[in-house]
Amino acid sequence: MGLWAHAKGLSDEDDYNCGYITYGHFMMGLADAAYGKEMGDLYKRCQYGWDKEFGYDYKWTQEDCDFWNARCNDDLDLLLFHSDCDGKFTPQECRRIYNAIKDLKMDMVGHNYGVMEPYNMLEHWKAIFKHCADRHVNLYYS
């Protein structure tokens, strides 16, 4: 069971088709890469409900929201807070996300089910968002 991110013109090697846990780890790493450790830790606590000190089921506080909103990138947040099981991104949203991540660096290896060829997760997602933005196609999550 996992996430399939697909769009017109993406092959089985070019789309994303892998597990929710891998995707979740990627999102947590992306928050760290984009915002640094403090914001990354807040994202992990608030989005995934996990905290070393508080355990599971951590909920956003007003202070968390205020801290995040004062420092976040709204374009990147389109991706970070998107459902990981369904929905879509428009080409315009894909362009915004691509521009938010294009200069980031991150070393995380991923692969697609069935293909099993390793790739750099961030570079793979950059290519997906660029493809959809440049070709004016929606990116679907299912």
N, C-alpha and C. Protein backbone atom coordinates (compact mmCIF):
# COMPACT_ATOMS: atom_id res chain seq x y z
N MET A 1 0.84 -1.17 0.00
CA MET A 1 0.00 0.00 0.00
C MET A 1 0.89 1.23 0.00
N GLY A 2 0.53 2.22 -0.80
CA GLY A 2 1.36 3.41 -0.86
C GLY A 2 0.75 4.50 -1.70
N LEU A 3 1.55 5.48 -1.99
CA LEU A 3 1.14 6.64 -2.77
C LEU A 3 1.58 6.46 -4.21
N TRP A 4 0.66 6.77 -5.13
CA TRP A 4 0.99 6.83 -6.55
C TRP A 4 0.75 8.27 -6.98
N ALA A 5 1.82 8.98 -7.31
CA ALA A 5 1.74 10.34 -7.84
C ALA A 5 2.00 10.23 -9.34
N HIS A 6 1.00 10.59 -10.13
CA HIS A 6 1.10 10.37 -11.57
C HIS A 6 0.51 11.53 -12.35
N ALA A 7 0.98 11.67 -13.58
CA ALA A 7 0.52 12.73 -14.47
C ALA A 7 0.68 12.25 -15.91
N LYS A 8 -0.08 12.87 -16.78
CA LYS A 8 0.04 12.55 -18.20
C LYS A 8 1.48 12.78 -18.65
N GLY A 9 2.04 11.76 -19.29
CA GLY A 9 3.39 11.87 -19.83
C GLY A 9 4.48 11.33 -18.93
N LEU A 10 4.15 10.99 -17.68
CA LEU A 10 5.15 10.39 -16.79
C LEU A 10 5.10 8.87 -16.92
N SER A 11 6.26 8.26 -17.09
CA SER A 11 6.35 6.80 -17.19
C SER A 11 6.36 6.19 -15.79
N ASP A 12 6.37 4.87 -15.73
CA ASP A 12 6.46 4.17 -14.44
C ASP A 12 7.77 4.50 -13.73
N GLU A 13 8.80 4.83 -14.47
CA GLU A 13 10.07 5.21 -13.87
C GLU A 13 10.09 6.66 -13.41
N ASP A 14 9.25 7.49 -14.02
CA ASP A 14 9.27 8.93 -13.75
C ASP A 14 8.24 9.39 -12.74
N ASP A 15 7.17 8.60 -12.52
CA ASP A 15 6.18 8.99 -11.52
C ASP A 15 6.68 8.59 -10.14
N TYR A 16 5.83 8.70 -9.12
CA TYR A 16 6.20 8.22 -7.80
C TYR A 16 5.20 7.15 -7.41
N ASN A 17 5.70 5.96 -7.06
CA ASN A 17 4.84 4.85 -6.68
C ASN A 17 5.58 4.06 -5.61
N CYS A 18 5.37 4.46 -4.36
CA CYS A 18 6.07 3.80 -3.27
C CYS A 18 5.26 3.96 -1.99
N GLY A 19 5.77 3.46 -0.90
CA GLY A 19 5.04 3.39 0.35
C GLY A 19 4.84 4.72 1.05
N TYR A 20 3.81 4.76 1.88
CA TYR A 20 3.50 5.94 2.67
C TYR A 20 4.62 6.26 3.65
N ILE A 21 5.25 5.25 4.20
CA ILE A 21 6.31 5.50 5.17
C ILE A 21 7.50 6.18 4.49
N THR A 22 7.88 5.69 3.33
CA THR A 22 8.96 6.33 2.57
C THR A 22 8.61 7.77 2.25
N TYR A 23 7.37 7.99 1.81
CA TYR A 23 6.93 9.35 1.49
C TYR A 23 6.95 10.23 2.73
N GLY A 24 6.48 9.71 3.86
CA GLY A 24 6.50 10.48 5.10
C GLY A 24 7.90 10.86 5.52
N HIS A 25 8.84 9.93 5.40
CA HIS A 25 10.23 10.23 5.73
C HIS A 25 10.78 11.30 4.78
N PHE A 26 10.38 11.24 3.52
CA PHE A 26 10.80 12.26 2.57
C PHE A 26 10.26 13.63 2.97
N MET A 27 8.98 13.69 3.34
CA MET A 27 8.39 14.97 3.73
C MET A 27 9.10 15.54 4.97
N MET A 28 9.39 14.68 5.94
CA MET A 28 10.09 15.14 7.14
C MET A 28 11.49 15.64 6.80
N GLY A 29 12.19 14.93 5.92
CA GLY A 29 13.51 15.37 5.48
C GLY A 29 13.45 16.66 4.70
N LEU A 30 12.41 16.81 3.90
CA LEU A 30 12.24 18.03 3.11
C LEU A 30 12.02 19.23 4.03
N ALA A 31 11.22 19.06 5.06
CA ALA A 31 11.00 20.15 6.02
C ALA A 31 12.32 20.54 6.68
N ASP A 32 13.13 19.55 7.06
CA ASP A 32 14.46 19.83 7.63
C ASP A 32 15.34 20.59 6.63
N ALA A 33 15.36 20.11 5.38
CA ALA A 33 16.21 20.72 4.36
C ALA A 33 15.80 22.15 4.05
N ALA A 34 14.50 22.40 4.04
CA ALA A 34 14.00 23.72 3.67
C ALA A 34 14.04 24.71 4.83
N TYR A 35 13.73 24.24 6.02
CA TYR A 35 13.52 25.15 7.14
C TYR A 35 14.52 25.02 8.28
N GLY A 36 15.30 23.98 8.30
CA GLY A 36 16.22 23.76 9.40
C GLY A 36 15.62 22.88 10.47
N LYS A 37 16.43 22.53 11.46
CA LYS A 37 16.05 21.55 12.46
C LYS A 37 14.85 21.98 13.31
N GLU A 38 14.82 23.21 13.78
CA GLU A 38 13.73 23.63 14.67
C GLU A 38 12.38 23.55 13.97
N MET A 39 12.31 24.09 12.75
CA MET A 39 11.06 24.01 12.00
C MET A 39 10.78 22.57 11.57
N GLY A 40 11.82 21.84 11.19
CA GLY A 40 11.66 20.44 10.81
C GLY A 40 11.08 19.62 11.94
N ASP A 41 11.59 19.84 13.15
CA ASP A 41 11.06 19.12 14.32
C ASP A 41 9.60 19.50 14.59
N LEU A 42 9.28 20.78 14.43
CA LEU A 42 7.88 21.20 14.62
C LEU A 42 6.98 20.53 13.59
N TYR A 43 7.44 20.47 12.35
CA TYR A 43 6.67 19.79 11.30
C TYR A 43 6.43 18.33 11.67
N LYS A 44 7.47 17.65 12.11
CA LYS A 44 7.33 16.24 12.49
C LYS A 44 6.33 16.07 13.61
N ARG A 45 6.42 16.93 14.62
CA ARG A 45 5.48 16.85 15.74
C ARG A 45 4.05 17.11 15.28
N CYS A 46 3.88 18.16 14.52
CA CYS A 46 2.53 18.62 14.20
C CYS A 46 1.88 17.87 13.04
N GLN A 47 2.66 17.49 12.05
CA GLN A 47 2.09 16.82 10.90
C GLN A 47 1.97 15.31 11.12
N TYR A 48 2.96 14.75 11.78
CA TYR A 48 2.98 13.30 11.94
C TYR A 48 2.67 12.85 13.36
N GLY A 49 2.41 13.81 14.25
CA GLY A 49 1.95 13.48 15.59
C GLY A 49 2.97 12.80 16.47
N TRP A 50 4.25 12.99 16.17
CA TRP A 50 5.27 12.30 16.94
C TRP A 50 6.24 13.30 17.53
N ASP A 51 6.60 13.10 18.78
CA ASP A 51 7.58 13.94 19.44
C ASP A 51 8.32 13.10 20.48
N LYS A 52 9.64 13.23 20.54
CA LYS A 52 10.43 12.46 21.51
C LYS A 52 9.97 12.74 22.94
N GLU A 53 9.71 14.00 23.23
CA GLU A 53 9.33 14.39 24.59
C GLU A 53 7.87 14.09 24.89
N PHE A 54 6.99 14.37 23.94
CA PHE A 54 5.55 14.26 24.18
C PHE A 54 4.94 12.94 23.73
N GLY A 55 5.71 12.14 22.97
CA GLY A 55 5.18 10.89 22.46
C GLY A 55 4.27 11.12 21.27
N TYR A 56 3.37 10.15 21.03
CA TYR A 56 2.46 10.24 19.89
C TYR A 56 1.25 11.10 20.22
N ASP A 57 0.54 11.47 19.19
CA ASP A 57 -0.70 12.25 19.30
C ASP A 57 -0.46 13.70 19.70
N TYR A 58 0.66 14.26 19.28
CA TYR A 58 0.91 15.67 19.53
C TYR A 58 -0.02 16.49 18.64
N LYS A 59 -0.61 17.52 19.16
CA LYS A 59 -1.52 18.40 18.40
C LYS A 59 -0.92 19.79 18.31
N TRP A 60 -1.21 20.47 17.19
CA TRP A 60 -0.77 21.85 17.00
C TRP A 60 -1.33 22.72 18.13
N THR A 61 -0.49 23.59 18.64
CA THR A 61 -0.95 24.62 19.57
C THR A 61 -1.02 25.94 18.80
N GLN A 62 -1.63 26.93 19.37
CA GLN A 62 -1.66 28.24 18.72
C GLN A 62 -0.25 28.79 18.57
N GLU A 63 0.59 28.54 19.56
CA GLU A 63 1.98 29.00 19.49
C GLU A 63 2.72 28.31 18.34
N ASP A 64 2.46 27.01 18.14
CA ASP A 64 3.05 26.28 17.02
C ASP A 64 2.64 26.92 15.69
N CYS A 65 1.36 27.18 15.56
CA CYS A 65 0.84 27.77 14.31
C CYS A 65 1.46 29.13 14.06
N ASP A 66 1.52 29.96 15.09
CA ASP A 66 2.08 31.30 14.93
C ASP A 66 3.56 31.23 14.56
N PHE A 67 4.31 30.35 15.22
CA PHE A 67 5.72 30.17 14.93
C PHE A 67 5.91 29.72 13.48
N TRP A 68 5.15 28.71 13.07
CA TRP A 68 5.26 28.19 11.71
C TRP A 68 4.90 29.26 10.68
N ASN A 69 3.77 29.90 10.86
CA ASN A 69 3.29 30.86 9.87
C ASN A 69 4.20 32.07 9.72
N ALA A 70 4.94 32.42 10.77
CA ALA A 70 5.86 33.55 10.68
C ALA A 70 7.10 33.21 9.87
N ARG A 71 7.37 31.92 9.65
CA ARG A 71 8.62 31.51 9.01
C ARG A 71 8.45 30.65 7.76
N CYS A 72 7.26 30.21 7.47
CA CYS A 72 7.05 29.23 6.40
C CYS A 72 7.08 29.85 5.01
N ASN A 73 7.18 28.98 4.02
CA ASN A 73 7.06 29.33 2.62
C ASN A 73 5.72 28.74 2.16
N ASP A 74 4.76 29.59 1.84
CA ASP A 74 3.42 29.11 1.48
C ASP A 74 3.44 28.16 0.28
N ASP A 75 4.37 28.38 -0.64
CA ASP A 75 4.45 27.50 -1.82
C ASP A 75 4.92 26.10 -1.43
N LEU A 76 5.91 26.02 -0.57
CA LEU A 76 6.37 24.71 -0.10
C LEU A 76 5.29 24.04 0.75
N ASP A 77 4.58 24.82 1.52
CA ASP A 77 3.52 24.26 2.38
C ASP A 77 2.41 23.60 1.57
N LEU A 78 2.24 24.00 0.31
CA LEU A 78 1.28 23.30 -0.55
C LEU A 78 1.60 21.81 -0.59
N LEU A 79 2.87 21.49 -0.66
CA LEU A 79 3.32 20.10 -0.70
C LEU A 79 3.35 19.48 0.69
N LEU A 80 3.95 20.17 1.64
CA LEU A 80 4.13 19.59 2.97
C LEU A 80 2.81 19.22 3.65
N PHE A 81 1.76 19.97 3.39
CA PHE A 81 0.49 19.72 4.08
C PHE A 81 -0.58 19.13 3.16
N HIS A 82 -0.18 18.66 2.00
CA HIS A 82 -1.13 18.01 1.08
C HIS A 82 -1.41 16.58 1.55
N SER A 83 -2.60 16.12 1.32
CA SER A 83 -2.95 14.74 1.65
C SER A 83 -1.97 13.79 0.98
N ASP A 84 -1.58 12.74 1.70
CA ASP A 84 -0.65 11.78 1.10
C ASP A 84 -1.37 10.57 0.51
N CYS A 85 -2.68 10.68 0.33
CA CYS A 85 -3.40 9.52 -0.23
C CYS A 85 -4.32 9.88 -1.40
N ASP A 86 -4.65 11.14 -1.59
CA ASP A 86 -5.49 11.49 -2.73
C ASP A 86 -5.41 12.99 -3.00
N GLY A 87 -6.02 13.41 -4.10
CA GLY A 87 -6.03 14.82 -4.46
C GLY A 87 -5.19 15.08 -5.68
N LYS A 88 -5.00 16.37 -5.95
CA LYS A 88 -4.21 16.74 -7.12
C LYS A 88 -3.53 18.09 -6.89
N PHE A 89 -2.53 18.34 -7.72
CA PHE A 89 -1.90 19.65 -7.83
C PHE A 89 -2.13 20.14 -9.25
N THR A 90 -2.50 21.41 -9.39
CA THR A 90 -2.65 22.01 -10.72
C THR A 90 -1.27 22.34 -11.27
N PRO A 91 -1.16 22.60 -12.56
CA PRO A 91 0.14 23.01 -13.10
C PRO A 91 0.70 24.25 -12.41
N GLN A 92 -0.16 25.18 -12.05
CA GLN A 92 0.28 26.40 -11.37
C GLN A 92 0.85 26.06 -9.98
N GLU A 93 0.18 25.17 -9.26
CA GLU A 93 0.69 24.74 -7.96
C GLU A 93 2.00 23.99 -8.12
N CYS A 94 2.10 23.16 -9.15
CA CYS A 94 3.35 22.44 -9.42
C CYS A 94 4.49 23.41 -9.66
N ARG A 95 4.26 24.49 -10.39
CA ARG A 95 5.29 25.51 -10.64
C ARG A 95 5.70 26.16 -9.33
N ARG A 96 4.74 26.50 -8.49
CA ARG A 96 5.05 27.12 -7.20
C ARG A 96 5.89 26.18 -6.33
N ILE A 97 5.51 24.92 -6.29
CA ILE A 97 6.26 23.94 -5.49
C ILE A 97 7.65 23.74 -6.08
N TYR A 98 7.73 23.58 -7.38
CA TYR A 98 9.04 23.41 -8.02
C TYR A 98 9.96 24.59 -7.67
N ASN A 99 9.46 25.81 -7.78
CA ASN A 99 10.28 26.97 -7.47
C ASN A 99 10.71 26.99 -6.00
N ALA A 100 9.89 26.45 -5.12
CA ALA A 100 10.22 26.40 -3.70
C ALA A 100 11.29 25.37 -3.39
N ILE A 101 11.40 24.31 -4.20
CA ILE A 101 12.34 23.22 -3.89
C ILE A 101 13.53 23.15 -4.84
N LYS A 102 13.53 23.89 -5.93
CA LYS A 102 14.54 23.70 -6.97
C LYS A 102 15.97 23.91 -6.49
N ASP A 103 16.19 24.75 -5.50
CA ASP A 103 17.56 25.01 -5.03
C ASP A 103 17.93 24.21 -3.78
N LEU A 104 17.02 23.39 -3.29
CA LEU A 104 17.30 22.59 -2.10
C LEU A 104 18.14 21.37 -2.46
N LYS A 105 18.90 20.89 -1.48
CA LYS A 105 19.70 19.67 -1.63
C LYS A 105 19.30 18.73 -0.51
N MET A 106 19.27 17.44 -0.83
CA MET A 106 18.89 16.43 0.15
C MET A 106 19.34 15.08 -0.36
N ASP A 107 19.94 14.29 0.52
CA ASP A 107 20.37 12.95 0.16
C ASP A 107 19.42 11.94 0.78
N MET A 108 18.47 11.47 0.00
CA MET A 108 17.58 10.40 0.42
C MET A 108 17.30 9.54 -0.80
N VAL A 109 17.59 8.27 -0.68
CA VAL A 109 17.39 7.36 -1.79
C VAL A 109 15.97 6.82 -1.76
N GLY A 110 15.35 6.76 -2.92
CA GLY A 110 14.02 6.17 -3.06
C GLY A 110 13.99 5.26 -4.27
N HIS A 111 12.85 4.65 -4.48
CA HIS A 111 12.62 3.79 -5.65
C HIS A 111 11.11 3.66 -5.87
N ASN A 112 10.74 3.23 -7.04
CA ASN A 112 9.33 2.98 -7.36
C ASN A 112 9.06 1.48 -7.31
N TYR A 113 7.89 1.11 -6.81
CA TYR A 113 7.49 -0.29 -6.85
C TYR A 113 7.52 -0.76 -8.30
N GLY A 114 7.93 -1.97 -8.49
CA GLY A 114 7.96 -2.54 -9.83
C GLY A 114 9.24 -2.22 -10.58
N VAL A 115 9.72 -1.00 -10.48
CA VAL A 115 10.93 -0.59 -11.20
C VAL A 115 12.16 -0.88 -10.34
N MET A 116 12.11 -0.48 -9.09
CA MET A 116 13.15 -0.75 -8.08
C MET A 116 14.53 -0.21 -8.44
N GLU A 117 14.60 0.82 -9.27
CA GLU A 117 15.85 1.50 -9.56
C GLU A 117 16.00 2.66 -8.58
N PRO A 118 17.11 2.73 -7.85
CA PRO A 118 17.26 3.80 -6.86
C PRO A 118 17.40 5.17 -7.51
N TYR A 119 16.91 6.19 -6.82
CA TYR A 119 17.05 7.57 -7.26
C TYR A 119 17.09 8.48 -6.04
N ASN A 120 17.54 9.71 -6.25
CA ASN A 120 17.52 10.73 -5.21
C ASN A 120 16.08 11.25 -5.13
N MET A 121 15.46 11.11 -3.96
CA MET A 121 14.05 11.47 -3.81
C MET A 121 13.77 12.92 -4.17
N LEU A 122 14.57 13.85 -3.68
CA LEU A 122 14.30 15.26 -3.96
C LEU A 122 14.44 15.55 -5.44
N GLU A 123 15.49 15.05 -6.07
CA GLU A 123 15.66 15.30 -7.50
C GLU A 123 14.53 14.68 -8.31
N HIS A 124 14.07 13.52 -7.88
CA HIS A 124 12.94 12.85 -8.55
C HIS A 124 11.68 13.71 -8.47
N TRP A 125 11.39 14.22 -7.26
CA TRP A 125 10.20 15.07 -7.09
C TRP A 125 10.34 16.40 -7.82
N LYS A 126 11.54 16.96 -7.86
CA LYS A 126 11.75 18.18 -8.64
C LYS A 126 11.35 17.93 -10.10
N ALA A 127 11.79 16.81 -10.64
CA ALA A 127 11.48 16.48 -12.04
C ALA A 127 9.98 16.29 -12.25
N ILE A 128 9.30 15.68 -11.30
CA ILE A 128 7.85 15.48 -11.41
C ILE A 128 7.14 16.83 -11.44
N PHE A 129 7.46 17.72 -10.50
CA PHE A 129 6.79 19.02 -10.45
C PHE A 129 7.13 19.87 -11.67
N LYS A 130 8.36 19.80 -12.13
CA LYS A 130 8.75 20.55 -13.34
C LYS A 130 8.02 20.02 -14.56
N HIS A 131 7.93 18.71 -14.68
CA HIS A 131 7.20 18.10 -15.79
C HIS A 131 5.76 18.64 -15.84
N CYS A 132 5.08 18.60 -14.73
CA CYS A 132 3.67 19.02 -14.69
C CYS A 132 3.52 20.51 -14.96
N ALA A 133 4.42 21.32 -14.42
CA ALA A 133 4.36 22.76 -14.65
C ALA A 133 4.65 23.09 -16.12
N ASP A 134 5.69 22.50 -16.67
CA ASP A 134 6.08 22.80 -18.05
C ASP A 134 5.09 22.29 -19.08
N ARG A 135 4.43 21.17 -18.80
CA ARG A 135 3.50 20.57 -19.76
C ARG A 135 2.04 20.91 -19.46
N HIS A 136 1.84 21.70 -18.42
CA HIS A 136 0.49 22.16 -18.05
C HIS A 136 -0.47 20.98 -17.82
N VAL A 137 0.01 20.02 -17.01
CA VAL A 137 -0.82 18.86 -16.66
C VAL A 137 -0.93 18.77 -15.15
N ASN A 138 -2.04 18.24 -14.69
CA ASN A 138 -2.26 18.03 -13.26
C ASN A 138 -1.41 16.86 -12.76
N LEU A 139 -1.01 16.96 -11.50
CA LEU A 139 -0.36 15.84 -10.80
C LEU A 139 -1.39 15.26 -9.85
N TYR A 140 -1.67 13.98 -10.02
CA TYR A 140 -2.70 13.32 -9.21
C TYR A 140 -2.06 12.41 -8.16
N TYR A 141 -2.62 12.43 -6.97
CA TYR A 141 -2.25 11.52 -5.91
C TYR A 141 -3.37 10.51 -5.75
N SER A 142 -3.01 9.24 -5.76
CA SER A 142 -4.01 8.19 -5.51
C SER A 142 -3.32 6.98 -4.89
